[in-house]
Amino acid sequence: MPDLIPLFLNLTGRRVLLVGGGPVAASKLEQLLSVGAVVRVVAPDVRDEIIRAGVAIERRGFVAEDMDDVWLVVAAATSDVNRSVAVAAEERRLFVNAVDDPENATAFLSGVVRREGVTVAISTKGDAPGLTALLREALNDVLPEDLGMWMREARTQREGWRRDGVLMGDRKPLLLRALNRLYSADTETGRAIG
């Protein structure tokens, strides 16, 4: 498989088709709803937790027209159904995440760590989801607890740099100094960055 380009999508208020109604589809539904996607589920059989989520559900098999007016497709069904979804998505130039089925996927929902405005994503190109999960847990453990403070400082600094025309290449060392000043002001922690 070729290398992938990491990409973060804003799905808030955008339509997403979820093909499948089992436990894997339920977990993907939770991820999609957490970012504000407007999800429609198409599957002959649908788990109760999907029904309770209050999304639009069509209890039937997938047809290509289900992809009309969607931004993204998530296929969490059998390999045969996922293949049908992948073919129809390719014809419409839509990306499809085929869960645990990399041969039928053009997009991969990665392991994600979210904390106070920072999102870190990990991908193994769909080949090793267990490793993705382990790396996600490890990154979550090493990220600083006060990451929100880092984000606030980075936003403040960026506003000034944009106003003053500071070049992108010059910003990283300036940010490192600003973050270190946060800790030098607190002599009890004695913590420094970098």
N, C-alpha and C. Protein backbone atom coordinates (compact mmCIF):
# COMPACT_ATOMS: atom_id res chain seq x y z
N MET A 1 0.85 -1.18 0.00
CA MET A 1 0.00 0.00 0.00
C MET A 1 0.89 1.25 0.00
N PRO A 2 0.52 2.26 -0.76
CA PRO A 2 1.31 3.50 -0.77
C PRO A 2 1.20 4.24 0.56
N ASP A 3 2.14 5.16 0.77
CA ASP A 3 2.07 5.98 1.98
C ASP A 3 0.82 6.83 1.96
N LEU A 4 0.34 7.16 3.15
CA LEU A 4 -0.88 7.96 3.30
C LEU A 4 -0.53 9.37 3.72
N ILE A 5 -1.38 10.32 3.37
CA ILE A 5 -1.22 11.69 3.85
C ILE A 5 -2.19 11.90 5.00
N PRO A 6 -1.68 12.32 6.16
CA PRO A 6 -2.60 12.59 7.28
C PRO A 6 -3.47 13.80 6.95
N LEU A 7 -4.73 13.71 7.29
CA LEU A 7 -5.67 14.78 6.99
C LEU A 7 -6.73 14.81 8.07
N PHE A 8 -7.02 15.97 8.59
CA PHE A 8 -8.07 16.11 9.60
C PHE A 8 -9.28 16.75 8.92
N LEU A 9 -10.43 16.13 9.07
CA LEU A 9 -11.65 16.59 8.40
C LEU A 9 -12.59 17.26 9.39
N ASN A 10 -13.21 18.33 8.95
CA ASN A 10 -14.28 18.97 9.71
C ASN A 10 -15.59 18.39 9.20
N LEU A 11 -16.16 17.47 9.97
CA LEU A 11 -17.42 16.83 9.57
C LEU A 11 -18.63 17.43 10.26
N THR A 12 -18.45 18.47 11.04
CA THR A 12 -19.56 19.08 11.77
C THR A 12 -20.64 19.55 10.79
N GLY A 13 -21.85 19.01 10.97
CA GLY A 13 -22.96 19.39 10.12
C GLY A 13 -22.93 18.78 8.73
N ARG A 14 -21.95 17.93 8.45
CA ARG A 14 -21.83 17.32 7.13
C ARG A 14 -22.37 15.88 7.17
N ARG A 15 -22.96 15.47 6.05
CA ARG A 15 -23.58 14.15 5.97
C ARG A 15 -22.54 13.05 5.75
N VAL A 16 -22.68 12.00 6.55
CA VAL A 16 -21.82 10.83 6.44
C VAL A 16 -22.72 9.61 6.36
N LEU A 17 -22.39 8.71 5.44
CA LEU A 17 -23.12 7.46 5.31
C LEU A 17 -22.36 6.38 6.05
N LEU A 18 -23.04 5.66 6.92
CA LEU A 18 -22.48 4.52 7.64
C LEU A 18 -23.21 3.27 7.17
N VAL A 19 -22.48 2.38 6.50
CA VAL A 19 -23.06 1.14 5.99
C VAL A 19 -22.70 0.03 6.96
N GLY A 20 -23.70 -0.51 7.62
CA GLY A 20 -23.49 -1.56 8.60
C GLY A 20 -24.22 -1.21 9.89
N GLY A 21 -24.65 -2.24 10.61
CA GLY A 21 -25.42 -1.99 11.82
C GLY A 21 -24.95 -2.80 13.02
N GLY A 22 -23.75 -3.39 12.93
CA GLY A 22 -23.23 -4.23 14.01
C GLY A 22 -22.38 -3.46 15.01
N PRO A 23 -21.62 -4.19 15.83
CA PRO A 23 -20.83 -3.56 16.88
C PRO A 23 -19.75 -2.62 16.35
N VAL A 24 -19.13 -2.98 15.25
CA VAL A 24 -18.09 -2.11 14.67
C VAL A 24 -18.73 -0.82 14.16
N ALA A 25 -19.87 -0.94 13.52
CA ALA A 25 -20.59 0.25 13.06
C ALA A 25 -20.98 1.13 14.23
N ALA A 26 -21.39 0.52 15.33
CA ALA A 26 -21.77 1.29 16.52
C ALA A 26 -20.60 2.10 17.05
N SER A 27 -19.40 1.51 17.07
CA SER A 27 -18.24 2.26 17.56
C SER A 27 -17.87 3.39 16.60
N LYS A 28 -17.99 3.16 15.31
CA LYS A 28 -17.70 4.23 14.34
C LYS A 28 -18.74 5.33 14.42
N LEU A 29 -20.00 4.94 14.66
CA LEU A 29 -21.06 5.94 14.82
C LEU A 29 -20.73 6.87 15.98
N GLU A 30 -20.28 6.30 17.07
CA GLU A 30 -19.93 7.12 18.24
C GLU A 30 -18.84 8.13 17.88
N GLN A 31 -17.81 7.69 17.15
CA GLN A 31 -16.75 8.61 16.72
C GLN A 31 -17.30 9.73 15.83
N LEU A 32 -18.14 9.36 14.89
CA LEU A 32 -18.68 10.35 13.95
C LEU A 32 -19.57 11.36 14.65
N LEU A 33 -20.41 10.89 15.55
CA LEU A 33 -21.30 11.81 16.27
C LEU A 33 -20.51 12.73 17.20
N SER A 34 -19.40 12.24 17.74
CA SER A 34 -18.60 13.06 18.65
C SER A 34 -18.01 14.28 17.97
N VAL A 35 -17.89 14.25 16.63
CA VAL A 35 -17.36 15.40 15.91
C VAL A 35 -18.46 16.16 15.16
N GLY A 36 -19.71 15.83 15.44
CA GLY A 36 -20.82 16.60 14.89
C GLY A 36 -21.29 16.20 13.51
N ALA A 37 -20.88 15.03 13.02
CA ALA A 37 -21.34 14.57 11.71
C ALA A 37 -22.84 14.25 11.76
N VAL A 38 -23.49 14.43 10.62
CA VAL A 38 -24.90 14.06 10.47
C VAL A 38 -24.89 12.69 9.78
N VAL A 39 -25.18 11.66 10.55
CA VAL A 39 -24.97 10.29 10.09
C VAL A 39 -26.29 9.63 9.71
N ARG A 40 -26.24 8.92 8.58
CA ARG A 40 -27.36 8.06 8.18
C ARG A 40 -26.82 6.65 8.09
N VAL A 41 -27.52 5.70 8.70
CA VAL A 41 -27.11 4.31 8.73
C VAL A 41 -27.96 3.51 7.75
N VAL A 42 -27.29 2.68 6.97
CA VAL A 42 -27.98 1.77 6.05
C VAL A 42 -27.51 0.36 6.37
N ALA A 43 -28.44 -0.48 6.81
CA ALA A 43 -28.13 -1.88 7.12
C ALA A 43 -29.44 -2.64 7.34
N PRO A 44 -29.47 -3.91 6.95
CA PRO A 44 -30.68 -4.69 7.19
C PRO A 44 -30.96 -4.90 8.67
N ASP A 45 -29.91 -5.13 9.45
CA ASP A 45 -30.04 -5.34 10.90
C ASP A 45 -29.22 -4.28 11.62
N VAL A 46 -29.83 -3.68 12.66
CA VAL A 46 -29.18 -2.58 13.36
C VAL A 46 -29.23 -2.84 14.86
N ARG A 47 -28.10 -2.68 15.52
CA ARG A 47 -28.00 -2.87 16.98
C ARG A 47 -28.79 -1.79 17.72
N ASP A 48 -29.20 -2.14 18.92
CA ASP A 48 -30.00 -1.21 19.73
C ASP A 48 -29.27 0.10 20.03
N GLU A 49 -27.96 0.05 20.30
CA GLU A 49 -27.25 1.30 20.62
C GLU A 49 -27.23 2.27 19.44
N ILE A 50 -27.28 1.74 18.22
CA ILE A 50 -27.37 2.61 17.04
C ILE A 50 -28.75 3.24 16.99
N ILE A 51 -29.77 2.46 17.26
CA ILE A 51 -31.15 2.97 17.27
C ILE A 51 -31.28 4.07 18.32
N ARG A 52 -30.72 3.82 19.51
CA ARG A 52 -30.80 4.81 20.61
C ARG A 52 -30.04 6.09 20.30
N ALA A 53 -29.11 6.05 19.37
CA ALA A 53 -28.33 7.25 19.03
C ALA A 53 -29.19 8.30 18.33
N GLY A 54 -30.34 7.89 17.81
CA GLY A 54 -31.27 8.85 17.21
C GLY A 54 -30.90 9.32 15.82
N VAL A 55 -30.10 8.53 15.10
CA VAL A 55 -29.72 8.92 13.74
C VAL A 55 -30.72 8.33 12.75
N ALA A 56 -30.68 8.81 11.52
CA ALA A 56 -31.53 8.27 10.47
C ALA A 56 -31.06 6.85 10.14
N ILE A 57 -32.01 5.94 10.07
CA ILE A 57 -31.69 4.54 9.80
C ILE A 57 -32.58 4.04 8.68
N GLU A 58 -31.96 3.35 7.72
CA GLU A 58 -32.72 2.67 6.66
C GLU A 58 -32.36 1.20 6.74
N ARG A 59 -33.34 0.39 7.11
CA ARG A 59 -33.12 -1.05 7.31
C ARG A 59 -33.28 -1.79 5.99
N ARG A 60 -32.17 -1.86 5.29
CA ARG A 60 -32.13 -2.53 3.99
C ARG A 60 -30.68 -2.64 3.56
N GLY A 61 -30.45 -3.29 2.45
CA GLY A 61 -29.10 -3.38 1.91
C GLY A 61 -28.66 -2.07 1.26
N PHE A 62 -27.36 -1.93 1.11
CA PHE A 62 -26.76 -0.75 0.50
C PHE A 62 -27.05 -0.69 -0.99
N VAL A 63 -27.34 0.52 -1.49
CA VAL A 63 -27.40 0.80 -2.93
C VAL A 63 -26.55 2.03 -3.19
N ALA A 64 -26.01 2.13 -4.36
CA ALA A 64 -25.07 3.21 -4.69
C ALA A 64 -25.67 4.60 -4.45
N GLU A 65 -26.96 4.75 -4.68
CA GLU A 65 -27.61 6.05 -4.50
C GLU A 65 -27.58 6.53 -3.05
N ASP A 66 -27.28 5.63 -2.11
CA ASP A 66 -27.15 6.04 -0.71
C ASP A 66 -26.04 7.07 -0.54
N MET A 67 -25.13 7.12 -1.50
CA MET A 67 -23.99 8.03 -1.40
C MET A 67 -24.29 9.43 -1.91
N ASP A 68 -25.46 9.64 -2.46
CA ASP A 68 -25.80 10.97 -2.96
C ASP A 68 -25.76 11.96 -1.81
N ASP A 69 -25.09 13.06 -2.01
CA ASP A 69 -25.03 14.18 -1.06
C ASP A 69 -24.31 13.87 0.25
N VAL A 70 -23.36 12.94 0.25
CA VAL A 70 -22.56 12.71 1.45
C VAL A 70 -21.12 13.16 1.22
N TRP A 71 -20.45 13.45 2.31
CA TRP A 71 -19.05 13.88 2.25
C TRP A 71 -18.09 12.72 2.46
N LEU A 72 -18.54 11.72 3.21
CA LEU A 72 -17.68 10.60 3.58
C LEU A 72 -18.55 9.37 3.75
N VAL A 73 -17.96 8.21 3.47
CA VAL A 73 -18.65 6.94 3.64
C VAL A 73 -17.82 6.06 4.56
N VAL A 74 -18.49 5.44 5.52
CA VAL A 74 -17.85 4.46 6.41
C VAL A 74 -18.55 3.13 6.18
N ALA A 75 -17.78 2.14 5.75
CA ALA A 75 -18.31 0.81 5.49
C ALA A 75 -17.88 -0.11 6.62
N ALA A 76 -18.84 -0.57 7.40
CA ALA A 76 -18.58 -1.46 8.53
C ALA A 76 -19.46 -2.69 8.40
N ALA A 77 -19.34 -3.32 7.25
CA ALA A 77 -20.20 -4.46 6.93
C ALA A 77 -19.30 -5.65 6.55
N THR A 78 -19.86 -6.61 5.84
CA THR A 78 -19.06 -7.74 5.36
C THR A 78 -18.13 -7.26 4.25
N SER A 79 -17.12 -8.07 3.95
CA SER A 79 -16.18 -7.70 2.88
C SER A 79 -16.88 -7.50 1.54
N ASP A 80 -17.88 -8.33 1.25
CA ASP A 80 -18.60 -8.20 -0.02
C ASP A 80 -19.35 -6.87 -0.09
N VAL A 81 -20.02 -6.52 1.00
CA VAL A 81 -20.74 -5.24 1.02
C VAL A 81 -19.74 -4.09 0.97
N ASN A 82 -18.67 -4.19 1.74
CA ASN A 82 -17.64 -3.13 1.73
C ASN A 82 -17.07 -2.94 0.33
N ARG A 83 -16.90 -4.03 -0.42
CA ARG A 83 -16.38 -3.94 -1.79
C ARG A 83 -17.38 -3.19 -2.67
N SER A 84 -18.66 -3.48 -2.53
CA SER A 84 -19.69 -2.76 -3.30
C SER A 84 -19.66 -1.27 -2.97
N VAL A 85 -19.49 -0.98 -1.69
CA VAL A 85 -19.41 0.42 -1.25
C VAL A 85 -18.18 1.08 -1.88
N ALA A 86 -17.05 0.39 -1.85
CA ALA A 86 -15.80 0.95 -2.39
C ALA A 86 -15.91 1.25 -3.88
N VAL A 87 -16.52 0.33 -4.63
CA VAL A 87 -16.69 0.54 -6.07
C VAL A 87 -17.58 1.75 -6.34
N ALA A 88 -18.70 1.83 -5.64
CA ALA A 88 -19.62 2.96 -5.83
C ALA A 88 -18.97 4.28 -5.40
N ALA A 89 -18.18 4.24 -4.34
CA ALA A 89 -17.51 5.45 -3.86
C ALA A 89 -16.47 5.93 -4.87
N GLU A 90 -15.74 5.00 -5.44
CA GLU A 90 -14.72 5.35 -6.44
C GLU A 90 -15.36 6.05 -7.64
N GLU A 91 -16.50 5.55 -8.09
CA GLU A 91 -17.20 6.16 -9.23
C GLU A 91 -17.64 7.59 -8.92
N ARG A 92 -17.91 7.87 -7.63
CA ARG A 92 -18.40 9.19 -7.22
C ARG A 92 -17.28 10.08 -6.66
N ARG A 93 -16.06 9.56 -6.67
CA ARG A 93 -14.91 10.29 -6.13
C ARG A 93 -15.11 10.65 -4.66
N LEU A 94 -15.62 9.67 -3.91
CA LEU A 94 -15.79 9.82 -2.47
C LEU A 94 -14.78 8.92 -1.76
N PHE A 95 -14.30 9.39 -0.62
CA PHE A 95 -13.43 8.55 0.20
C PHE A 95 -14.30 7.62 1.04
N VAL A 96 -13.80 6.40 1.21
CA VAL A 96 -14.52 5.42 2.02
C VAL A 96 -13.56 4.81 3.04
N ASN A 97 -14.02 4.79 4.27
CA ASN A 97 -13.32 4.08 5.33
C ASN A 97 -13.99 2.72 5.45
N ALA A 98 -13.28 1.67 5.05
CA ALA A 98 -13.80 0.31 5.20
C ALA A 98 -13.13 -0.29 6.43
N VAL A 99 -13.89 -0.41 7.48
CA VAL A 99 -13.36 -0.77 8.79
C VAL A 99 -12.74 -2.16 8.77
N ASP A 100 -11.47 -2.24 9.18
CA ASP A 100 -10.71 -3.48 9.24
C ASP A 100 -10.73 -4.22 7.90
N ASP A 101 -10.74 -3.45 6.81
CA ASP A 101 -10.81 -4.00 5.46
C ASP A 101 -10.01 -3.08 4.53
N PRO A 102 -8.67 -3.00 4.72
CA PRO A 102 -7.87 -2.01 3.99
C PRO A 102 -7.96 -2.13 2.47
N GLU A 103 -8.22 -3.31 1.95
CA GLU A 103 -8.31 -3.47 0.50
C GLU A 103 -9.47 -2.67 -0.09
N ASN A 104 -10.50 -2.41 0.71
CA ASN A 104 -11.67 -1.68 0.24
C ASN A 104 -11.74 -0.26 0.77
N ALA A 105 -10.64 0.25 1.28
CA ALA A 105 -10.63 1.58 1.89
C ALA A 105 -9.76 2.55 1.11
N THR A 106 -10.20 3.80 1.09
CA THR A 106 -9.37 4.89 0.58
C THR A 106 -9.14 5.94 1.67
N ALA A 107 -9.72 5.72 2.84
CA ALA A 107 -9.53 6.59 4.00
C ALA A 107 -9.48 5.70 5.23
N PHE A 108 -8.68 6.11 6.20
CA PHE A 108 -8.50 5.32 7.40
C PHE A 108 -8.75 6.18 8.61
N LEU A 109 -9.71 5.77 9.44
CA LEU A 109 -9.95 6.46 10.70
C LEU A 109 -8.90 5.93 11.67
N SER A 110 -8.10 6.83 12.19
CA SER A 110 -6.92 6.43 12.94
C SER A 110 -7.18 6.36 14.43
N GLY A 111 -6.15 5.91 15.15
CA GLY A 111 -6.18 6.02 16.60
C GLY A 111 -6.02 7.49 16.95
N VAL A 112 -6.84 7.99 17.83
CA VAL A 112 -6.86 9.43 18.10
C VAL A 112 -6.73 9.71 19.59
N VAL A 113 -5.88 10.68 19.90
CA VAL A 113 -5.78 11.22 21.25
C VAL A 113 -6.22 12.67 21.16
N ARG A 114 -7.23 13.05 21.94
CA ARG A 114 -7.71 14.44 21.97
C ARG A 114 -7.54 14.97 23.39
N ARG A 115 -6.91 16.13 23.47
CA ARG A 115 -6.79 16.75 24.78
C ARG A 115 -6.68 18.27 24.62
N GLU A 116 -7.66 18.97 25.12
CA GLU A 116 -7.66 20.43 25.24
C GLU A 116 -7.23 21.14 23.95
N GLY A 117 -7.85 20.77 22.84
CA GLY A 117 -7.59 21.45 21.58
C GLY A 117 -6.49 20.83 20.75
N VAL A 118 -5.83 19.79 21.25
CA VAL A 118 -4.78 19.10 20.51
C VAL A 118 -5.31 17.74 20.10
N THR A 119 -5.12 17.40 18.83
CA THR A 119 -5.50 16.08 18.33
C THR A 119 -4.27 15.43 17.72
N VAL A 120 -3.96 14.23 18.20
CA VAL A 120 -2.85 13.45 17.66
C VAL A 120 -3.46 12.19 17.08
N ALA A 121 -3.09 11.88 15.82
CA ALA A 121 -3.65 10.70 15.17
C ALA A 121 -2.54 9.75 14.75
N ILE A 122 -2.82 8.46 14.82
CA ILE A 122 -1.87 7.42 14.49
C ILE A 122 -2.51 6.49 13.48
N SER A 123 -1.74 6.11 12.45
CA SER A 123 -2.26 5.17 11.47
C SER A 123 -1.22 4.12 11.14
N THR A 124 -1.68 2.91 10.93
CA THR A 124 -0.83 1.83 10.42
C THR A 124 -1.37 1.38 9.06
N LYS A 125 -2.02 2.29 8.35
CA LYS A 125 -2.60 2.04 7.03
C LYS A 125 -3.63 0.92 7.05
N GLY A 126 -4.23 0.71 8.21
CA GLY A 126 -5.24 -0.33 8.34
C GLY A 126 -4.67 -1.72 8.52
N ASP A 127 -3.34 -1.86 8.52
CA ASP A 127 -2.72 -3.18 8.60
C ASP A 127 -2.58 -3.72 10.02
N ALA A 128 -2.51 -2.83 11.01
CA ALA A 128 -2.26 -3.29 12.39
C ALA A 128 -3.05 -2.44 13.38
N PRO A 129 -4.38 -2.58 13.43
CA PRO A 129 -5.19 -1.76 14.32
C PRO A 129 -4.82 -1.93 15.80
N GLY A 130 -4.35 -3.11 16.19
CA GLY A 130 -3.93 -3.31 17.58
C GLY A 130 -2.73 -2.45 17.93
N LEU A 131 -1.78 -2.35 17.01
CA LEU A 131 -0.61 -1.50 17.23
C LEU A 131 -1.03 -0.03 17.29
N THR A 132 -1.96 0.35 16.43
CA THR A 132 -2.48 1.72 16.47
C THR A 132 -3.04 2.03 17.85
N ALA A 133 -3.81 1.11 18.41
CA ALA A 133 -4.40 1.32 19.73
C ALA A 133 -3.33 1.43 20.81
N LEU A 134 -2.32 0.58 20.75
CA LEU A 134 -1.23 0.65 21.74
C LEU A 134 -0.48 1.97 21.66
N LEU A 135 -0.19 2.42 20.45
CA LEU A 135 0.50 3.70 20.29
C LEU A 135 -0.35 4.87 20.79
N ARG A 136 -1.66 4.80 20.53
CA ARG A 136 -2.56 5.84 21.02
C ARG A 136 -2.50 5.92 22.54
N GLU A 137 -2.58 4.79 23.18
CA GLU A 137 -2.52 4.77 24.65
C GLU A 137 -1.18 5.31 25.17
N ALA A 138 -0.09 4.93 24.51
CA ALA A 138 1.23 5.40 24.93
C ALA A 138 1.35 6.92 24.78
N LEU A 139 0.88 7.45 23.66
CA LEU A 139 0.94 8.90 23.45
C LEU A 139 0.06 9.64 24.46
N ASN A 140 -1.08 9.09 24.75
CA ASN A 140 -1.95 9.71 25.75
C ASN A 140 -1.25 9.80 27.10
N ASP A 141 -0.48 8.78 27.44
CA ASP A 141 0.23 8.77 28.71
C ASP A 141 1.39 9.76 28.78
N VAL A 142 2.01 10.07 27.64
CA VAL A 142 3.18 10.96 27.68
C VAL A 142 2.86 12.42 27.41
N LEU A 143 1.69 12.71 26.90
CA LEU A 143 1.33 14.12 26.68
C LEU A 143 1.19 14.82 28.04
N PRO A 144 1.66 16.05 28.14
CA PRO A 144 1.59 16.76 29.42
C PRO A 144 0.16 17.01 29.87
N GLU A 145 -0.04 16.94 31.17
CA GLU A 145 -1.37 17.16 31.74
C GLU A 145 -1.84 18.60 31.51
N ASP A 146 -0.91 19.54 31.44
CA ASP A 146 -1.26 20.95 31.29
C ASP A 146 -1.18 21.41 29.83
N LEU A 147 -1.52 20.51 28.91
CA LEU A 147 -1.48 20.81 27.48
C LEU A 147 -2.40 21.98 27.12
N GLY A 148 -3.50 22.14 27.85
CA GLY A 148 -4.40 23.27 27.61
C GLY A 148 -3.68 24.60 27.79
N MET A 149 -2.80 24.68 28.78
CA MET A 149 -2.02 25.89 29.00
C MET A 149 -1.09 26.14 27.81
N TRP A 150 -0.51 25.09 27.28
CA TRP A 150 0.35 25.23 26.09
C TRP A 150 -0.46 25.77 24.92
N MET A 151 -1.68 25.24 24.73
CA MET A 151 -2.52 25.70 23.63
C MET A 151 -2.88 27.18 23.77
N ARG A 152 -3.25 27.58 24.97
CA ARG A 152 -3.60 29.00 25.18
C ARG A 152 -2.41 29.90 24.86
N GLU A 153 -1.23 29.51 25.32
CA GLU A 153 -0.03 30.32 25.07
C GLU A 153 0.30 30.34 23.58
N ALA A 154 0.18 29.19 22.92
CA ALA A 154 0.47 29.12 21.48
C ALA A 154 -0.47 30.01 20.68
N ARG A 155 -1.75 30.03 21.06
CA ARG A 155 -2.72 30.90 20.37
C ARG A 155 -2.36 32.37 20.57
N THR A 156 -2.04 32.72 21.81
CA THR A 156 -1.67 34.11 22.11
C THR A 156 -0.44 34.53 21.31
N GLN A 157 0.58 33.67 21.31
CA GLN A 157 1.81 33.99 20.57
C GLN A 157 1.52 34.11 19.07
N ARG A 158 0.72 33.21 18.53
CA ARG A 158 0.42 33.23 17.09
C ARG A 158 -0.25 34.54 16.68
N GLU A 159 -1.17 35.01 17.50
CA GLU A 159 -1.83 36.28 17.19
C GLU A 159 -0.80 37.40 17.04
N GLY A 160 0.14 37.46 17.96
CA GLY A 160 1.19 38.48 17.88
C GLY A 160 2.09 38.30 16.68
N TRP A 161 2.47 37.07 16.40
CA TRP A 161 3.35 36.80 15.26
C TRP A 161 2.68 37.17 13.94
N ARG A 162 1.42 36.86 13.81
CA ARG A 162 0.70 37.20 12.58
C ARG A 162 0.60 38.72 12.44
N ARG A 163 0.29 39.39 13.55
CA ARG A 163 0.20 40.85 13.53
C ARG A 163 1.55 41.48 13.16
N ASP A 164 2.64 40.90 13.70
CA ASP A 164 3.98 41.47 13.49
C ASP A 164 4.69 40.91 12.26
N GLY A 165 4.06 39.99 11.54
CA GLY A 165 4.66 39.44 10.32
C GLY A 165 5.84 38.51 10.57
N VAL A 166 5.85 37.81 11.70
CA VAL A 166 6.93 36.87 11.99
C VAL A 166 6.80 35.67 11.05
N LEU A 167 7.89 35.31 10.39
CA LEU A 167 7.88 34.22 9.43
C LEU A 167 7.62 32.88 10.13
N MET A 168 6.98 31.95 9.42
CA MET A 168 6.64 30.64 9.98
C MET A 168 7.88 29.93 10.52
N GLY A 169 8.98 29.96 9.78
CA GLY A 169 10.19 29.27 10.20
C GLY A 169 10.80 29.81 11.47
N ASP A 170 10.47 31.04 11.83
CA ASP A 170 11.02 31.66 13.04
C ASP A 170 10.16 31.42 14.27
N ARG A 171 9.00 30.84 14.10
CA ARG A 171 8.04 30.76 15.20
C ARG A 171 8.33 29.64 16.21
N LYS A 172 8.84 28.52 15.75
CA LYS A 172 9.03 27.39 16.66
C LYS A 172 9.96 27.73 17.83
N PRO A 173 11.15 28.30 17.60
CA PRO A 173 11.99 28.63 18.76
C PRO A 173 11.37 29.70 19.66
N LEU A 174 10.60 30.61 19.06
CA LEU A 174 9.92 31.62 19.87
C LEU A 174 8.86 30.97 20.76
N LEU A 175 8.14 29.99 20.21
CA LEU A 175 7.13 29.30 21.01
C LEU A 175 7.79 28.50 22.14
N LEU A 176 8.89 27.85 21.85
CA LEU A 176 9.58 27.09 22.89
C LEU A 176 10.00 28.00 24.04
N ARG A 177 10.52 29.17 23.72
CA ARG A 177 10.91 30.12 24.78
C ARG A 177 9.68 30.58 25.57
N ALA A 178 8.59 30.86 24.87
CA ALA A 178 7.37 31.31 25.56
C ALA A 178 6.84 30.23 26.49
N LEU A 179 6.85 28.98 26.04
CA LEU A 179 6.38 27.89 26.89
C LEU A 179 7.30 27.69 28.09
N ASN A 180 8.59 27.81 27.90
CA ASN A 180 9.52 27.70 29.02
C ASN A 180 9.31 28.81 30.04
N ARG A 181 8.96 30.00 29.56
CA ARG A 181 8.68 31.11 30.48
C ARG A 181 7.48 30.79 31.39
N LEU A 182 6.52 30.02 30.87
CA LEU A 182 5.39 29.62 31.70
C LEU A 182 5.86 28.88 32.95
N TYR A 183 6.86 28.05 32.79
CA TYR A 183 7.35 27.26 33.91
C TYR A 183 8.38 28.00 34.75
N SER A 184 9.15 28.88 34.12
CA SER A 184 10.12 29.63 34.92
C SER A 184 9.41 30.61 35.84
N ALA A 185 8.18 31.00 35.50
CA ALA A 185 7.39 31.87 36.38
C ALA A 185 6.91 31.11 37.61
N ASP A 186 6.87 29.78 37.51
CA ASP A 186 6.43 28.95 38.63
C ASP A 186 7.66 28.20 39.16
N THR A 187 8.35 28.80 40.08
CA THR A 187 9.60 28.23 40.58
C THR A 187 9.40 26.93 41.35
N GLU A 188 8.17 26.68 41.79
CA GLU A 188 7.93 25.43 42.53
C GLU A 188 7.99 24.21 41.62
N THR A 189 7.56 24.34 40.39
CA THR A 189 7.57 23.17 39.51
C THR A 189 8.97 22.89 39.01
N GLY A 190 9.74 23.92 38.73
CA GLY A 190 11.07 23.73 38.20
C GLY A 190 11.08 23.03 36.86
N ARG A 191 9.95 23.00 36.21
CA ARG A 191 9.80 22.26 34.96
C ARG A 191 10.17 23.14 33.77
N ALA A 192 10.88 22.61 32.82
CA ALA A 192 11.20 23.32 31.59
C ALA A 192 10.91 22.41 30.42
N ILE A 193 10.67 23.00 29.28
CA ILE A 193 10.33 22.27 28.07
C ILE A 193 11.56 22.21 27.18
N GLY A 194 11.72 21.11 26.46
CA GLY A 194 12.79 20.99 25.47
C GLY A 194 14.03 20.60 26.12
